Amino acid sequence: MELENKLKKVKKLLEDKKILIAFSGGADSTLVAKLAVENALETLAVTIDNGVLPRDCISHAQKIAKELGIAHQVIKEDFLEDAAFRENNPHRCFICKNNMYTKLEKVANEQGFPVIMDGTNISDLLEDRPGIMVNYQKNIFSPLVEAGMTREDVLKALENDNINYSTSTTCMATRIATGEDITPKKINRINYAESLIKSIAKSPVVRVREQNETAKIQVDDLNPLLNAQTLQHIYSELKAVGFKEVTLDIGGYGKTKKDLVVYKPCKDESNKIMFETELPYAIDIEKTCQGLEKMGTVKCSASMGIAMLESQGRNVTVFKNGKIVARRVLDNEDAEKLLIKVLPHIRRII
């Protein structure tokens, strides 16, 4: 019932809008595209082929768009021509998304779409994604966030309706260690390595991460790789395309569910329940306070790096270092619902 309520909210948000969708064919953008086709006034899905995507990403996006019955355009750009992007500093995600959404703004203006929408969800706000700042700066519409939908909600909704989506849409630049230059040679050999291992492991989810010319292989199921002949074949192939060393992450690769909040005993008030979460980025307290004022009474001290929200008898304290503490909540579920309302108002520091 909770998921249905969230989906109803998304559908309501989409009504009577002309929407251009940032479309990768991944789970999030596929869900918002499906709902937009069914509920919006007019829709256009746009995929930016930025030169650093997995080999089959564009063809998968085209196939999924056709299945959804949505108008779809692919715009080809080469982000490797951008020196700031190639530099691969900690702000690479912001640079990439800013370039991408600038292109989308141009298409939206030319074709008369006043709203640009993406598939950002609540779970994304718990991760270190500097590109989220582009959403705020360019006023990108993120209905999954407004409806409080998590990654698990998205996957469940797609499963319920048997909707196909691509499991590999993240750009290959994310495989290269921060600070190491992004080059066509590295992108090509990572692409080759992932294609090779996908064919051997029969798994749609494969990551080959590169650091200091060493390949670290991550797959969701290790078993197809675990024999000497197969490992030797992979080693030889990856050495041949330029990797100096090849390693296998025995922890595998999987999307484990991250708890939104964690229970913490409240030492000073034994009859009170306290939950907290820690975001992996610093928070702009002043801007966050401006957003939290929509929820209740806020006490803010930018100099001390703290914001305190009182909302419907509950208390939320936000710290500059990324910690969020909820007090006077009923239980874990109540704390999660409160955090879902708070997260869209958090503004990070890049």
Protein backbone atom coordinates (compact mmCIF):
# COMPACT_ATOMS: atom_id res chain seq x y z
CA MET A 1 0.00 0.00 0.00
CA GLU A 2 2.86 2.38 0.83
CA LEU A 3 4.42 1.82 -2.61
CA GLU A 4 1.07 2.39 -4.31
CA ASN A 5 0.64 5.69 -2.48
CA LYS A 6 4.08 6.82 -3.61
CA LEU A 7 3.34 5.87 -7.23
CA LYS A 8 0.05 7.75 -7.09
CA LYS A 9 1.94 10.83 -5.93
CA VAL A 10 4.41 10.55 -8.81
CA LYS A 11 1.56 10.18 -11.31
CA LYS A 12 -0.14 13.27 -9.88
CA LEU A 13 3.09 15.26 -10.15
CA LEU A 14 3.38 14.35 -13.84
CA GLU A 15 -0.13 15.37 -14.90
CA ASP A 16 -0.54 18.15 -17.49
CA LYS A 17 3.21 18.62 -17.97
CA LYS A 18 5.34 18.64 -21.11
CA ILE A 19 8.42 16.76 -19.96
CA LEU A 20 11.87 16.06 -21.35
CA ILE A 21 13.37 13.07 -19.55
CA ALA A 22 17.07 12.44 -18.94
CA PHE A 23 16.95 8.82 -20.07
CA SER A 24 19.61 6.15 -19.63
CA GLY A 25 17.35 3.11 -19.72
CA GLY A 26 18.35 2.25 -16.16
CA ALA A 27 15.80 1.39 -13.48
CA ASP A 28 15.06 4.95 -12.31
CA SER A 29 14.74 6.67 -15.68
CA THR A 30 12.76 3.73 -17.06
CA LEU A 31 10.21 3.99 -14.27
CA VAL A 32 9.74 7.76 -14.61
CA ALA A 33 9.53 7.42 -18.40
CA LYS A 34 6.84 4.75 -18.09
CA LEU A 35 4.81 6.85 -15.68
CA ALA A 36 5.30 9.98 -17.79
CA VAL A 37 4.04 8.25 -20.95
CA GLU A 38 0.91 7.23 -19.06
CA ASN A 39 0.24 10.50 -17.22
CA ALA A 40 2.06 13.52 -18.69
CA LEU A 41 0.74 15.77 -21.43
CA GLU A 42 3.74 15.17 -23.72
CA THR A 43 7.07 13.41 -23.24
CA LEU A 44 10.46 13.12 -24.89
CA ALA A 45 13.26 10.85 -23.65
CA VAL A 46 16.78 12.05 -24.42
CA THR A 47 19.95 10.02 -24.01
CA ILE A 48 23.36 11.67 -24.08
CA ASP A 49 25.96 9.38 -25.66
CA ASN A 50 28.94 10.98 -23.95
CA GLY A 51 31.70 8.70 -25.23
CA VAL A 52 32.29 6.97 -21.89
CA LEU A 53 29.25 4.69 -21.60
CA PRO A 54 29.22 0.87 -21.62
CA ARG A 55 29.21 -0.46 -25.18
CA ASP A 56 25.62 -1.68 -25.14
CA CYS A 57 24.14 1.21 -23.13
CA ILE A 58 22.78 3.22 -26.06
CA SER A 59 21.27 0.25 -27.89
CA HIS A 60 19.61 -0.89 -24.65
CA ALA A 61 18.21 2.61 -24.06
CA GLN A 62 16.78 2.67 -27.59
CA LYS A 63 15.21 -0.77 -27.13
CA ILE A 64 13.64 0.13 -23.77
CA ALA A 65 12.31 3.46 -25.07
CA LYS A 66 10.66 1.59 -27.96
CA GLU A 67 9.09 -0.90 -25.52
CA LEU A 68 7.72 1.99 -23.44
CA GLY A 69 6.35 3.73 -26.51
CA ILE A 70 8.11 7.00 -25.76
CA ALA A 71 9.65 9.40 -28.29
CA HIS A 72 13.43 9.10 -27.96
CA GLN A 73 16.47 11.01 -29.15
CA VAL A 74 20.17 10.21 -28.78
CA ILE A 75 22.60 13.12 -28.73
CA LYS A 76 26.24 12.26 -29.32
CA GLU A 77 28.89 14.23 -27.45
CA ASP A 78 32.49 13.45 -26.55
CA PHE A 79 33.08 14.40 -22.92
CA LEU A 80 36.72 13.31 -23.29
CA GLU A 81 37.25 16.58 -25.18
CA ASP A 82 36.63 18.40 -21.86
CA ALA A 83 39.97 18.78 -20.05
CA ALA A 84 38.26 19.31 -16.70
CA PHE A 85 36.40 16.00 -17.09
CA ARG A 86 39.52 14.10 -18.20
CA GLU A 87 41.35 15.38 -15.13
CA ASN A 88 39.08 13.14 -13.02
CA ASN A 89 39.11 15.24 -9.86
CA PRO A 90 36.63 14.62 -7.00
CA HIS A 91 34.13 16.92 -8.76
CA ARG A 92 34.08 14.85 -11.97
CA CYS A 93 30.48 13.76 -11.36
CA PHE A 94 29.39 17.41 -11.14
CA ILE A 95 31.28 18.34 -14.31
CA CYS A 96 29.79 15.40 -16.22
CA LYS A 97 26.22 16.02 -15.11
CA ASN A 98 26.51 19.76 -15.70
CA ASN A 99 27.68 19.11 -19.28
CA MET A 100 24.90 16.59 -19.81
CA TYR A 101 22.08 18.70 -18.43
CA THR A 102 23.29 21.78 -20.31
CA LYS A 103 22.76 19.77 -23.50
CA LEU A 104 19.31 18.71 -22.28
CA GLU A 105 18.41 22.36 -21.56
CA LYS A 106 19.28 23.24 -25.15
CA VAL A 107 17.07 20.47 -26.55
CA ALA A 108 14.22 21.36 -24.16
CA ASN A 109 14.32 25.02 -25.19
CA GLU A 110 14.47 24.21 -28.91
CA GLN A 111 11.61 21.71 -28.80
CA GLY A 112 9.33 23.43 -26.30
CA PHE A 113 9.60 21.29 -23.19
CA PRO A 114 9.43 23.54 -20.10
CA VAL A 115 10.23 20.69 -17.67
CA ILE A 116 13.39 18.58 -17.53
CA MET A 117 12.98 15.47 -15.38
CA ASP A 118 15.35 12.79 -14.12
CA GLY A 119 15.13 9.59 -12.08
CA THR A 120 16.95 10.68 -8.94
CA ASN A 121 15.50 8.81 -5.96
CA ILE A 122 15.74 9.17 -2.18
CA SER A 123 18.48 6.53 -1.90
CA ASP A 124 20.70 8.61 -4.20
CA LEU A 125 20.67 11.40 -1.62
CA LEU A 126 22.37 9.05 0.87
CA GLU A 127 25.37 8.62 -1.45
CA ASP A 128 28.30 10.85 -2.38
CA ARG A 129 27.00 12.21 -5.66
CA PRO A 130 28.24 15.77 -6.34
CA GLY A 131 26.15 15.79 -9.53
CA ILE A 132 23.03 16.24 -7.39
CA MET A 133 24.05 19.89 -7.10
CA VAL A 134 23.32 20.29 -10.83
CA ASN A 135 19.71 19.30 -10.15
CA TYR A 136 19.34 22.16 -7.69
CA GLN A 137 21.17 24.72 -9.84
CA LYS A 138 19.21 23.90 -13.00
CA ASN A 139 15.87 23.24 -11.27
CA ILE A 140 15.61 19.65 -12.52
CA PHE A 141 12.33 17.93 -11.67
CA SER A 142 12.87 14.72 -9.63
CA PRO A 143 9.42 13.27 -8.88
CA LEU A 144 10.79 10.10 -7.24
CA VAL A 145 12.42 12.28 -4.59
CA GLU A 146 9.27 14.34 -4.08
CA ALA A 147 7.26 11.13 -3.64
CA GLY A 148 9.82 9.65 -1.22
CA MET A 149 10.66 6.65 -3.42
CA THR A 150 13.79 4.67 -2.56
CA ARG A 151 15.84 2.46 -4.88
CA GLU A 152 14.04 -0.57 -3.48
CA ASP A 153 10.68 1.05 -4.26
CA VAL A 154 11.75 1.62 -7.86
CA LEU A 155 12.91 -1.96 -8.40
CA LYS A 156 9.74 -3.34 -6.82
CA ALA A 157 7.52 -1.16 -8.99
CA LEU A 158 9.32 -2.33 -12.15
CA GLU A 159 9.12 -5.93 -11.03
CA ASN A 160 5.40 -5.67 -10.29
CA ASP A 161 4.70 -4.46 -13.84
CA ASN A 162 7.33 -6.72 -15.46
CA ILE A 163 9.12 -3.72 -16.99
CA ASN A 164 12.47 -4.31 -18.66
CA TYR A 165 15.39 -2.00 -17.83
CA SER A 166 19.14 -1.88 -18.31
CA THR A 167 21.36 -2.98 -15.42
CA SER A 168 24.49 -1.27 -16.74
CA THR A 169 24.18 2.45 -17.43
CA THR A 170 26.86 4.11 -15.27
CA CYS A 171 29.64 5.72 -17.28
CA MET A 172 33.00 3.96 -17.51
CA ALA A 173 34.73 6.96 -15.92
CA THR A 174 33.35 5.77 -12.57
CA ARG A 175 35.64 2.71 -12.90
CA ILE A 176 38.81 4.82 -12.91
CA ALA A 177 40.29 5.85 -9.58
CA THR A 178 39.83 9.54 -8.74
CA GLY A 179 42.89 11.57 -9.68
CA GLU A 180 43.97 9.28 -12.53
CA ASP A 181 43.42 10.79 -15.98
CA ILE A 182 40.50 9.50 -18.02
CA THR A 183 41.76 8.50 -21.48
CA PRO A 184 40.22 6.75 -24.49
CA LYS A 185 42.71 3.91 -23.99
CA LYS A 186 41.50 3.27 -20.44
CA ILE A 187 37.83 3.53 -21.38
CA ASN A 188 38.28 1.10 -24.28
CA ARG A 189 40.13 -1.52 -22.26
CA ILE A 190 37.65 -1.35 -19.39
CA ASN A 191 34.81 -1.72 -21.90
CA TYR A 192 36.54 -4.71 -23.47
CA ALA A 193 37.21 -6.29 -20.07
CA GLU A 194 33.61 -5.93 -18.91
CA SER A 195 32.24 -7.32 -22.19
CA LEU A 196 34.58 -10.30 -21.94
CA ILE A 197 33.65 -11.11 -18.36
CA LYS A 198 29.93 -10.64 -18.99
CA SER A 199 30.14 -13.25 -21.73
CA ILE A 200 31.98 -15.69 -19.46
CA ALA A 201 30.01 -15.11 -16.25
CA LYS A 202 26.65 -14.83 -18.06
CA SER A 203 25.97 -11.91 -15.73
CA PRO A 204 24.52 -8.54 -16.75
CA VAL A 205 26.23 -6.81 -13.81
CA VAL A 206 30.02 -6.65 -14.10
CA ARG A 207 32.45 -3.97 -12.98
CA VAL A 208 36.13 -3.75 -13.85
CA ARG A 209 37.73 -0.97 -11.82
CA GLU A 210 41.14 0.42 -12.71
CA GLN A 211 43.75 1.88 -10.40
CA ASN A 212 47.43 2.23 -11.27
CA GLU A 213 46.84 0.02 -14.33
CA THR A 214 45.51 -2.79 -12.15
CA ALA A 215 42.09 -4.26 -13.00
CA LYS A 216 39.79 -5.23 -10.12
CA ILE A 217 36.96 -7.48 -11.29
CA GLN A 218 33.59 -7.41 -9.51
CA VAL A 219 30.67 -9.69 -10.44
CA ASP A 220 27.49 -10.62 -8.61
CA ASP A 221 28.20 -14.35 -9.02
CA LEU A 222 31.82 -15.51 -8.80
CA ASN A 223 31.18 -19.20 -9.49
CA PRO A 224 31.43 -19.13 -13.32
CA LEU A 225 34.91 -17.60 -13.03
CA LEU A 226 36.35 -19.92 -10.41
CA ASN A 227 38.44 -22.39 -12.32
CA ALA A 228 42.09 -22.12 -13.27
CA GLN A 229 41.57 -22.22 -17.04
CA THR A 230 38.95 -19.45 -17.01
CA LEU A 231 41.01 -17.24 -14.72
CA GLN A 232 44.11 -17.73 -16.88
CA HIS A 233 42.11 -16.79 -19.99
CA ILE A 234 40.83 -13.60 -18.36
CA TYR A 235 44.30 -12.76 -17.10
CA SER A 236 45.86 -13.21 -20.55
CA GLU A 237 43.17 -11.16 -22.31
CA LEU A 238 43.34 -8.27 -19.84
CA LYS A 239 47.13 -8.23 -19.91
CA ALA A 240 46.98 -8.08 -23.70
CA VAL A 241 44.91 -4.86 -23.63
CA GLY A 242 47.27 -3.08 -21.25
CA PHE A 243 46.47 -4.00 -17.65
CA LYS A 244 49.62 -4.74 -15.66
CA GLU A 245 47.84 -6.70 -12.93
CA VAL A 246 44.43 -8.40 -12.66
CA THR A 247 42.61 -9.04 -9.38
CA LEU A 248 39.26 -10.55 -8.42
CA ASP A 249 37.15 -9.01 -5.65
CA ILE A 250 36.00 -12.09 -3.72
CA GLY A 251 33.33 -9.96 -2.02
CA GLY A 252 31.58 -9.83 -5.38
CA TYR A 253 29.40 -6.98 -6.58
CA GLY A 254 25.87 -6.42 -5.40
CA LYS A 255 23.43 -3.72 -4.43
CA THR A 256 23.04 -4.27 -0.71
CA LYS A 257 20.24 -2.37 0.95
CA LYS A 258 21.47 0.52 3.06
CA ASP A 259 19.37 1.23 6.14
CA LEU A 260 18.01 4.76 6.02
CA VAL A 261 18.39 5.13 9.77
CA VAL A 262 20.14 3.23 12.56
CA TYR A 263 18.88 2.97 16.14
CA LYS A 264 21.06 4.66 18.75
CA PRO A 265 20.37 4.41 22.52
CA CYS A 266 19.54 7.79 23.97
CA LYS A 267 21.68 7.94 27.12
CA ASP A 268 20.23 11.09 28.63
CA GLU A 269 16.58 10.28 28.02
CA SER A 270 15.96 6.57 28.48
CA ASN A 271 12.30 6.89 27.50
CA LYS A 272 13.12 8.55 24.18
CA ILE A 273 13.98 6.80 20.92
CA MET A 274 16.81 8.16 18.79
CA PHE A 275 17.85 7.24 15.26
CA GLU A 276 20.64 8.60 13.12
CA THR A 277 22.21 8.39 9.68
CA GLU A 278 25.49 9.69 8.33
CA LEU A 279 25.71 11.19 4.86
CA PRO A 280 29.07 10.84 3.07
CA TYR A 281 29.35 14.56 2.36
CA ALA A 282 29.41 17.91 4.15
CA ILE A 283 26.20 19.91 4.44
CA ASP A 284 25.56 23.58 3.69
CA ILE A 285 23.71 24.45 6.91
CA GLU A 286 22.43 27.85 5.82
CA LYS A 287 20.81 26.59 2.60
CA THR A 288 19.51 23.48 4.36
CA CYS A 289 17.80 25.61 7.00
CA GLN A 290 15.96 27.52 4.29
CA GLY A 291 14.49 24.27 3.01
CA LEU A 292 13.68 22.82 6.43
CA GLU A 293 11.59 25.88 7.28
CA LYS A 294 8.91 24.38 5.03
CA MET A 295 8.58 21.49 7.49
CA GLY A 296 8.40 23.25 10.86
CA THR A 297 10.31 25.44 13.30
CA VAL A 298 14.03 25.67 12.61
CA LYS A 299 16.91 26.90 14.75
CA CYS A 300 20.00 27.41 12.67
CA SER A 301 23.62 28.23 13.45
CA ALA A 302 25.87 28.20 10.40
CA SER A 303 28.85 29.17 12.56
CA MET A 304 28.34 26.12 14.79
CA GLY A 305 27.45 23.91 11.83
CA ILE A 306 24.08 22.77 13.16
CA ALA A 307 20.38 23.00 12.27
CA MET A 308 17.53 21.86 14.53
CA LEU A 309 14.04 21.15 13.21
CA GLU A 310 10.91 20.71 15.32
CA SER A 311 8.15 19.08 13.28
CA GLN A 312 4.95 17.55 14.65
CA GLY A 313 6.51 16.84 18.03
CA ARG A 314 9.62 15.27 16.55
CA ASN A 315 13.12 16.68 16.51
CA VAL A 316 15.75 16.43 13.77
CA THR A 317 19.28 17.74 14.18
CA VAL A 318 21.44 18.18 11.10
CA PHE A 319 25.21 18.59 11.47
CA LYS A 320 27.59 20.11 8.94
CA ASN A 321 29.68 16.91 8.89
CA GLY A 322 26.74 14.96 7.44
CA LYS A 323 25.23 13.41 10.53
CA ILE A 324 21.44 13.57 10.94
CA VAL A 325 19.84 12.63 14.26
CA ALA A 326 16.09 12.08 14.78
CA ARG A 327 14.65 12.19 18.32
CA ARG A 328 11.19 11.74 19.81
CA VAL A 329 10.13 9.44 16.97
CA LEU A 330 7.90 6.43 17.53
CA ASP A 331 10.02 3.72 15.95
CA ASN A 332 12.27 2.86 12.99
CA GLU A 333 9.45 3.28 10.47
CA ASP A 334 8.53 6.70 11.84
CA ALA A 335 12.20 7.75 11.73
CA GLU A 336 12.54 6.60 8.11
CA LYS A 337 9.44 8.51 7.04
CA LEU A 338 10.78 11.63 8.74
CA LEU A 339 14.19 11.28 7.08
CA ILE A 340 12.55 10.82 3.66
CA LYS A 341 10.84 14.19 4.18
CA VAL A 342 14.06 15.85 5.39
CA LEU A 343 16.50 14.58 2.72
CA PRO A 344 15.12 16.63 -0.22
CA HIS A 345 15.82 19.80 1.77
CA ILE A 346 19.46 18.90 2.49
CA ARG A 347 21.97 20.91 0.47
CA ARG A 348 25.45 19.50 0.25
CA ILE A 349 28.78 21.27 -0.11
CA ILE A 350 30.63 20.11 -3.22
